[in-house]
Structure formats: structure tokens, C-alpha cells
Amino acid sequence: MAALPFLRRSETDTESLGIQFDPPVYIQRYRTVHDILEKENIVKVIDFGCAEGKFLRYIKKIETLEEIAAVDSQYSCLVDTRQVAEPIAWDFLFKRKRPLCIKLYKGSICDCDSRVAGFDAVTCIELLEHLSNIDLERVPYTVFGYIQPRLAIFTTPNKDFNCLFPGIKEFRHWDHKFEWDRTEFRTWCLNITKQFSNYTVDILGIGDPPLESASLGCCSQLAVFRQSSVDNYINKKVLKPNKETPYVLVSEHVYPHEESLTEAL
């Protein structure tokens, strides 16, 4: 499974482990990823492991976005996400300048779906650590070989930071299959840039440690992959787009925009 109902909910549990962040570290993640997407003028984004849609609340406000695909493997999550995805009265009173369509899919980051091939951006917040080794191996090929976004953002816990959480025996959440230290995460990222040489990566941190523990790094790790070139890129491992649609469309939500009346006429 690529995502479970508790994935995004568990992000709010970090503070309960004993360290307080201001703002909470999960909000810092959302804001950081939101700001990157907004700065890059992203038009189409797919968010894997969307859970109940907390991050969706942030990105649907980005004016350049015209399509958001929110994907989770659990239908029960998407029922909650639907409430976030639906336009409200405010959206009809203060219309967007550009159109926006939000589609909720039941699906997995391990599967390739032609409806999201070529999206501008992929986001994957605190999901990798919930994947099995087999599923984790498929992620680079789905994201960089098939979707081929010009921007891909991943966040995952920093294992080095765990010693600051009293009571942690192994992982921060019972469903985590692993947690990477900074060296392991960097190795994973650099291996992707070796396999898909038209991508570069910047590795950052979210959730600053106490001053006396600065050597441990931040609470979460963040990798921002950017496509450095599109033309003349040849890689035998790149998957050819197909017409397969393994994701199940759960709901679709179209937002009103200023051109709506003109287009109707």
C-alpha cells in the first residue's frame, strides 16, 4: 500500500513526542512545499498520500494551479478529502483568475496512470517511510521515469533527530517501515539523479533543532528535484507513456473563475 488513513494525521503527532515547534513542524512542511510550488509557477500537481487533505487546503490557494490530483490508497481518506476539495460559497463570491479542477483518486504512487503523466510537479509529504522495500524501489520509476515532472518534492523524518524524542524505541510511528538518517536520505536522492540524469536535487531541513543539538540536523528532511533539461534526454529506464488508468476517480471538483461567464457566452 502506498498510503494509509493515518499518514497525514501522524504528522501532527510529532509535538506529542516531547519537542514543541512554533509553528508545528507539520505546518512548516506544508508552508515550505506550498512556497516552492508557488515560486515555480506550477500549473498541474499530483499529491501522493493526500490522506484527509490537510495539505490540499494550502495548495488549492495557489493562483497558477489549474489541476490538482490528490491520490491516496484508502477510500476512507478520500471521503474526508472531498470536503476540502469542494468549492465553498467564498469561492463563488471571489472567483479565481484561472480555472482550477481538483480530482481525487484512489491509487498508489507505485502505479503509473496516463492521466497524470507530464504533470508539472509531484509532492510526497511524509509517505516514503510507510512504504515497503518493493514499493519504495518503484517510486523513482513512477515519478521520474513516467510522470517526469519538472519539480518533485519529498519529505521524510530525519532519524538523527530521534534521540531528542524521549521514549522512542525505534521509529516515530508504528507503521514506519524505516527512517533514514541524513546520509541515507542523501544517498537515495543522489542515486535518483544518477538513474535520471536530467534531474538535480537540493536537500534541505524542516523543523530546526535546539541550538545545543544543531549537529543532529532538522526534524524532517526535504528533497527538491528539478528537471534540468527536457530536450535531448535519453534514458533506457524511462517508461513509455501508456493508456493505463489504474487510479479510480473518486470525485472531481471544478472551481468558478473569472472567465467562466465569458466562456459561457
Protein backbone atom coordinates (compact mmCIF):
# COMPACT_ATOMS: atom_id res chain seq x y z
CA MET A 1 0.00 0.00 0.00
CA ALA A 2 1.23 3.48 -0.80
CA ALA A 3 -0.77 5.32 1.80
CA LEU A 4 -2.92 4.64 4.83
CA PRO A 5 -5.59 6.69 6.60
CA PHE A 6 -3.27 7.80 9.36
CA LEU A 7 -0.34 9.02 7.28
CA ARG A 8 -1.04 12.72 7.27
CA ARG A 9 -2.71 12.56 10.67
CA SER A 10 0.51 11.21 12.16
CA GLU A 11 2.28 14.39 11.11
CA THR A 12 0.51 16.21 13.92
CA ASP A 13 1.82 13.72 16.46
CA THR A 14 5.43 14.94 16.41
CA GLU A 15 4.82 17.55 19.10
CA SER A 16 3.35 14.89 21.38
CA LEU A 17 6.75 13.16 21.38
CA GLY A 18 8.18 15.88 23.62
CA ILE A 19 9.56 18.69 21.42
CA GLN A 20 7.47 21.73 20.60
CA PHE A 21 7.83 23.59 17.30
CA ASP A 22 6.45 27.04 16.53
CA PRO A 23 4.65 26.74 14.21
CA PRO A 24 4.14 22.95 14.46
CA VAL A 25 6.54 21.10 12.21
CA TYR A 26 3.78 19.66 10.01
CA ILE A 27 2.63 23.20 9.23
CA GLN A 28 6.22 24.16 8.46
CA ARG A 29 6.28 21.30 5.93
CA TYR A 30 3.09 22.43 4.27
CA ARG A 31 4.20 26.05 4.09
CA THR A 32 7.61 25.16 2.72
CA VAL A 33 6.25 22.93 -0.04
CA HIS A 34 3.48 25.43 -0.82
CA ASP A 35 6.01 28.24 -1.21
CA ILE A 36 8.18 26.18 -3.55
CA LEU A 37 5.23 25.29 -5.76
CA GLU A 38 4.05 28.89 -5.84
CA LYS A 39 7.50 30.21 -6.71
CA GLU A 40 7.88 27.71 -9.57
CA ASN A 41 4.53 28.74 -11.15
CA ILE A 42 3.27 25.18 -11.16
CA VAL A 43 0.11 24.51 -13.22
CA LYS A 44 -0.55 20.80 -12.55
CA VAL A 45 0.45 18.97 -9.38
CA ILE A 46 -0.15 15.46 -8.06
CA ASP A 47 -0.02 14.94 -4.29
CA PHE A 48 0.62 11.34 -3.26
CA GLY A 49 -0.62 10.19 0.13
CA CYS A 50 -3.07 13.07 0.42
CA ALA A 51 -4.93 11.43 3.36
CA GLU A 52 -7.63 13.75 4.71
CA GLY A 53 -6.48 16.71 2.62
CA LYS A 54 -4.73 19.00 5.09
CA PHE A 55 -2.05 19.90 2.55
CA LEU A 56 -4.72 20.38 -0.11
CA ARG A 57 -6.07 23.31 1.91
CA TYR A 58 -2.76 25.08 1.33
CA ILE A 59 -2.05 24.39 -2.32
CA LYS A 60 -5.54 24.96 -3.71
CA LYS A 61 -4.98 28.66 -2.96
CA ILE A 62 -2.06 28.88 -5.40
CA GLU A 63 -3.28 31.04 -8.28
CA THR A 64 -1.19 29.39 -11.02
CA LEU A 65 -2.59 25.93 -10.35
CA GLU A 66 -5.20 24.67 -12.80
CA GLU A 67 -5.29 20.97 -11.88
CA ILE A 68 -4.61 19.11 -8.65
CA ALA A 69 -4.64 15.32 -8.44
CA ALA A 70 -4.90 14.12 -4.83
CA VAL A 71 -4.08 10.42 -4.54
CA ASP A 72 -4.44 8.02 -1.64
CA SER A 73 -4.79 4.26 -1.46
CA GLN A 74 -7.58 4.39 1.12
CA TYR A 75 -11.08 5.37 0.06
CA SER A 76 -11.95 6.38 3.63
CA CYS A 77 -9.31 9.13 3.45
CA LEU A 78 -10.72 10.50 0.23
CA VAL A 79 -14.18 10.81 1.75
CA ASP A 80 -12.71 13.35 4.18
CA THR A 81 -10.62 14.96 1.46
CA ARG A 82 -13.73 15.55 -0.64
CA GLN A 83 -14.93 18.10 1.90
CA VAL A 84 -11.69 20.03 1.47
CA ALA A 85 -11.75 19.75 -2.31
CA GLU A 86 -15.29 21.07 -2.81
CA PRO A 87 -15.69 24.80 -3.60
CA ILE A 88 -17.43 26.81 -0.87
CA ALA A 89 -19.57 29.93 -1.08
CA TRP A 90 -16.46 32.08 -0.78
CA ASP A 91 -15.11 30.58 -4.00
CA PHE A 92 -18.22 31.64 -5.90
CA LEU A 93 -18.16 35.17 -4.49
CA PHE A 94 -14.43 35.71 -5.04
CA LYS A 95 -13.62 33.78 -8.19
CA ARG A 96 -10.17 32.68 -9.20
CA LYS A 97 -8.50 34.37 -12.14
CA ARG A 98 -7.64 30.99 -13.64
CA PRO A 99 -9.62 27.74 -13.71
CA LEU A 100 -8.97 25.01 -11.16
CA CYS A 101 -10.03 21.37 -11.18
CA ILE A 102 -9.33 19.09 -8.23
CA LYS A 103 -9.54 15.34 -8.82
CA LEU A 104 -9.43 12.76 -6.05
CA TYR A 105 -8.06 9.37 -6.98
CA LYS A 106 -7.84 6.07 -5.14
CA GLY A 107 -4.45 4.82 -6.19
CA SER A 108 -0.81 4.19 -5.37
CA ILE A 109 2.45 6.02 -6.01
CA CYS A 110 3.74 2.68 -7.27
CA ASP A 111 1.36 2.62 -10.25
CA CYS A 112 1.60 4.58 -13.50
CA ASP A 113 -1.57 6.33 -14.66
CA SER A 114 -1.64 8.12 -18.02
CA ARG A 115 -3.93 10.86 -16.67
CA VAL A 116 -1.08 12.33 -14.59
CA ALA A 117 1.82 11.72 -16.97
CA GLY A 118 3.52 15.01 -17.70
CA PHE A 119 2.22 16.89 -14.64
CA ASP A 120 4.45 19.82 -13.67
CA ALA A 121 5.00 18.76 -10.08
CA VAL A 122 4.83 15.81 -7.69
CA THR A 123 4.58 16.18 -3.90
CA CYS A 124 5.12 13.36 -1.43
CA ILE A 125 4.99 14.52 2.20
CA GLU A 126 5.94 12.02 4.92
CA LEU A 127 4.95 9.00 2.83
CA LEU A 128 8.17 7.21 1.84
CA GLU A 129 8.79 5.81 5.32
CA HIS A 130 5.47 3.95 5.18
CA LEU A 131 6.39 2.03 2.02
CA SER A 132 7.74 -1.50 1.80
CA ASN A 133 11.11 -2.02 0.14
CA ILE A 134 9.43 -3.32 -3.02
CA ASP A 135 7.14 -0.29 -3.27
CA LEU A 136 9.96 2.10 -2.46
CA GLU A 137 12.01 0.73 -5.35
CA ARG A 138 9.18 1.58 -7.76
CA VAL A 139 8.84 5.21 -6.69
CA PRO A 140 11.69 6.67 -8.81
CA TYR A 141 10.38 4.97 -11.95
CA THR A 142 6.83 6.17 -11.40
CA VAL A 143 7.82 9.74 -10.62
CA PHE A 144 10.92 10.40 -12.71
CA GLY A 145 10.55 7.78 -15.42
CA TYR A 146 6.83 8.03 -16.11
CA ILE A 147 5.34 11.28 -14.79
CA GLN A 148 8.57 13.18 -15.48
CA PRO A 149 7.60 16.38 -13.62
CA ARG A 150 9.80 19.43 -13.78
CA LEU A 151 9.60 19.55 -9.98
CA ALA A 152 9.31 16.76 -7.39
CA ILE A 153 9.30 17.30 -3.62
CA PHE A 154 9.73 14.63 -0.94
CA THR A 155 9.84 14.94 2.85
CA THR A 156 10.69 12.21 5.36
CA PRO A 157 11.75 12.05 9.03
CA ASN A 158 15.39 12.58 9.97
CA LYS A 159 16.43 9.57 12.06
CA ASP A 160 19.38 11.50 13.50
CA PHE A 161 16.87 13.76 15.27
CA ASN A 162 15.07 10.90 17.05
CA CYS A 163 17.36 10.90 20.08
CA LEU A 164 15.70 14.17 21.10
CA PHE A 165 12.34 12.43 21.44
CA PRO A 166 12.11 10.71 24.83
CA GLY A 167 10.60 7.26 24.71
CA ILE A 168 11.23 6.46 21.04
CA LYS A 169 12.49 2.90 20.79
CA GLU A 170 12.91 2.69 17.02
CA PHE A 171 10.60 4.78 14.84
CA ARG A 172 8.33 7.77 15.33
CA HIS A 173 5.22 5.92 14.17
CA TRP A 174 4.28 2.29 14.49
CA ASP A 175 3.63 1.92 10.75
CA HIS A 176 7.01 3.29 9.65
CA LYS A 177 8.92 0.61 7.79
CA PHE A 178 12.18 2.55 8.14
CA GLU A 179 13.53 6.00 8.93
CA TRP A 180 16.58 7.40 7.18
CA ASP A 181 19.39 9.38 8.71
CA ARG A 182 20.74 12.26 6.65
CA THR A 183 23.39 10.17 4.92
CA GLU A 184 20.88 7.52 3.88
CA PHE A 185 18.42 10.07 2.54
CA ARG A 186 21.14 11.87 0.59
CA THR A 187 22.27 8.55 -0.88
CA TRP A 188 18.70 7.77 -2.02
CA CYS A 189 18.39 11.21 -3.61
CA LEU A 190 21.73 11.08 -5.39
CA ASN A 191 21.01 7.60 -6.73
CA ILE A 192 17.90 9.04 -8.38
CA THR A 193 19.94 11.77 -10.08
CA LYS A 194 22.31 9.08 -11.33
CA GLN A 195 19.49 6.99 -12.77
CA PHE A 196 17.66 10.01 -14.19
CA SER A 197 20.45 12.35 -15.14
CA ASN A 198 18.19 15.19 -16.27
CA TYR A 199 17.33 15.88 -12.62
CA THR A 200 19.24 17.76 -9.94
CA VAL A 201 18.41 17.77 -6.25
CA ASP A 202 18.62 20.20 -3.33
CA ILE A 203 18.36 18.71 0.16
CA LEU A 204 17.05 20.90 2.97
CA GLY A 205 15.70 20.57 6.51
CA ILE A 206 12.43 21.47 8.21
CA GLY A 207 11.99 21.93 11.96
CA ASP A 208 15.15 23.41 13.45
CA PRO A 209 16.77 21.54 16.35
CA PRO A 210 17.64 23.18 19.69
CA LEU A 211 20.86 25.16 19.46
CA GLU A 212 22.73 22.66 21.61
CA SER A 213 21.71 19.85 19.22
CA ALA A 214 22.40 21.59 15.92
CA SER A 215 24.68 18.73 14.83
CA LEU A 216 21.66 16.42 14.59
CA GLY A 217 20.05 18.38 11.78
CA CYS A 218 16.37 19.24 11.39
CA CYS A 219 13.35 17.18 12.40
CA SER A 220 12.34 16.46 8.78
CA GLN A 221 14.36 16.15 5.60
CA LEU A 222 13.22 17.68 2.34
CA ALA A 223 14.45 16.99 -1.19
CA VAL A 224 13.58 19.21 -4.13
CA PHE A 225 14.26 17.61 -7.52
CA ARG A 226 14.27 19.85 -10.57
CA GLN A 227 14.35 18.82 -14.19
CA SER A 228 17.46 20.41 -15.64
CA SER A 229 16.66 19.53 -19.25
CA VAL A 230 13.85 18.06 -21.29
CA ASP A 231 15.16 18.02 -24.84
CA ASN A 232 17.76 15.50 -25.95
CA TYR A 233 17.23 13.37 -22.83
CA ILE A 234 17.54 9.65 -23.46
CA ASN A 235 17.41 7.04 -20.71
CA LYS A 236 16.60 3.38 -21.27
CA LYS A 237 14.90 3.21 -17.87
CA VAL A 238 12.34 5.86 -18.74
CA LEU A 239 8.92 4.28 -19.05
CA LYS A 240 6.92 4.91 -22.18
CA PRO A 241 3.52 6.57 -21.55
CA ASN A 242 0.60 4.20 -21.96
CA LYS A 243 -3.16 4.43 -21.75
CA GLU A 244 -3.45 2.53 -18.49
CA THR A 245 -5.61 4.15 -15.81
CA PRO A 246 -5.25 2.12 -12.60
CA TYR A 247 -6.34 5.03 -10.39
CA VAL A 248 -10.03 5.16 -9.54
CA LEU A 249 -11.54 8.63 -9.88
CA VAL A 250 -13.49 9.20 -6.67
CA SER A 251 -14.64 12.77 -7.26
CA GLU A 252 -13.95 15.83 -9.40
CA HIS A 253 -14.42 19.44 -8.33
CA VAL A 254 -14.38 22.42 -10.71
CA TYR A 255 -13.88 25.89 -9.28
CA PRO A 256 -15.51 29.00 -10.73
CA HIS A 257 -13.17 31.55 -12.27
CA GLU A 258 -13.46 34.99 -13.77
CA GLU A 259 -13.57 33.77 -17.37
CA SER A 260 -16.48 31.43 -16.66
CA LEU A 261 -19.19 33.92 -17.73
CA THR A 262 -17.29 34.93 -20.89
CA GLU A 263 -16.75 31.29 -21.88
CA ALA A 264 -20.45 30.55 -21.36
CA LEU A 265 -21.38 33.36 -23.79
